[in-house]
Amino acid sequence: MYKFLAKLNKMLLPSFTKQGLDISKAKKWQMAIIGYRAYVTKKALGN
């Protein structure tokens, strides 16, 4: 399930690293997306 979510995230959600976003200046909604993507990626790699 998490592998599917990770692929879906890659297609739908923005990549802030490619945009050069500074984490210390990120807005709350951007931090929420970063945290969600990190969680899903960690779970997908762990299974």
C-alpha atoms as a PDB file:
ATOM      1  CA  MET A   1       0.000   0.000   0.000  1.00  0.00           C
ATOM      2  CA  TYR A   2       2.769   2.462   0.900  1.00  0.00           C
ATOM      3  CA  LYS A   3       4.647   1.778  -2.326  1.00  0.00           C
ATOM      4  CA  PHE A   4       1.543   2.748  -4.269  1.00  0.00           C
ATOM      5  CA  LEU A   5       1.126   5.890  -2.150  1.00  0.00           C
ATOM      6  CA  ALA A   6       4.779   6.818  -2.738  1.00  0.00           C
ATOM      7  CA  LYS A   7       4.315   6.564  -6.519  1.00  0.00           C
ATOM      8  CA  LEU A   8       1.112   8.574  -6.322  1.00  0.00           C
ATOM      9  CA  ASN A   9       2.826  11.249  -4.221  1.00  0.00           C
ATOM     10  CA  LYS A  10       5.634  11.509  -6.737  1.00  0.00           C
ATOM     11  CA  MET A  11       3.161  12.201  -9.523  1.00  0.00           C
ATOM     12  CA  LEU A  12       0.759  14.521  -7.703  1.00  0.00           C
ATOM     13  CA  LEU A  13       2.591  16.404  -4.972  1.00  0.00           C
ATOM     14  CA  PRO A  14       5.213  19.072  -5.629  1.00  0.00           C
ATOM     15  CA  SER A  15       8.887  18.346  -5.068  1.00  0.00           C
ATOM     16  CA  PHE A  16      10.218  21.144  -2.902  1.00  0.00           C
ATOM     17  CA  THR A  17      13.832  20.033  -3.243  1.00  0.00           C
ATOM     18  CA  LYS A  18      13.694  20.534  -7.006  1.00  0.00           C
ATOM     19  CA  GLN A  19      12.220  23.982  -6.400  1.00  0.00           C
ATOM     20  CA  GLY A  20      15.086  24.854  -4.052  1.00  0.00           C
ATOM     21  CA  LEU A  21      12.861  25.461  -1.037  1.00  0.00           C
ATOM     22  CA  ASP A  22      14.702  26.386   2.152  1.00  0.00           C
ATOM     23  CA  ILE A  23      13.222  24.232   4.931  1.00  0.00           C
ATOM     24  CA  SER A  24      13.693  26.964   7.542  1.00  0.00           C
ATOM     25  CA  LYS A  25      11.527  29.315   5.455  1.00  0.00           C
ATOM     26  CA  ALA A  26       8.845  26.770   4.537  1.00  0.00           C
ATOM     27  CA  LYS A  27       5.224  27.506   5.343  1.00  0.00           C
ATOM     28  CA  LYS A  28       3.188  25.194   7.551  1.00  0.00           C
ATOM     29  CA  TRP A  29       1.374  23.547   4.645  1.00  0.00           C
ATOM     30  CA  GLN A  30       4.702  22.915   2.910  1.00  0.00           C
ATOM     31  CA  MET A  31       6.111  21.349   6.075  1.00  0.00           C
ATOM     32  CA  ALA A  32       3.018  19.139   6.320  1.00  0.00           C
ATOM     33  CA  ILE A  33       3.569  17.879   2.761  1.00  0.00           C
ATOM     34  CA  ILE A  34       7.268  17.289   3.433  1.00  0.00           C
ATOM     35  CA  GLY A  35       6.464  15.325   6.591  1.00  0.00           C
ATOM     36  CA  TYR A  36       3.769  13.276   4.877  1.00  0.00           C
ATOM     37  CA  ARG A  37       6.038  12.416   1.954  1.00  0.00           C
ATOM     38  CA  ALA A  38       8.860  11.455   4.316  1.00  0.00           C
ATOM     39  CA  TYR A  39       6.545   9.219   6.358  1.00  0.00           C
ATOM     40  CA  VAL A  40       5.173   7.437   3.288  1.00  0.00           C
ATOM     41  CA  THR A  41       8.634   7.008   1.793  1.00  0.00           C
ATOM     42  CA  LYS A  42      10.010   5.578   5.044  1.00  0.00           C
ATOM     43  CA  LYS A  43       7.128   3.095   5.271  1.00  0.00           C
ATOM     44  CA  ALA A  44       7.454   2.123   1.603  1.00  0.00           C
ATOM     45  CA  LEU A  45      11.160   1.391   1.971  1.00  0.00           C
ATOM     46  CA  GLY A  46      10.657  -0.480   5.250  1.00  0.00           C
ATOM     47  CA  ASN A  47       8.247  -3.054   3.840  1.00  0.00           C
END
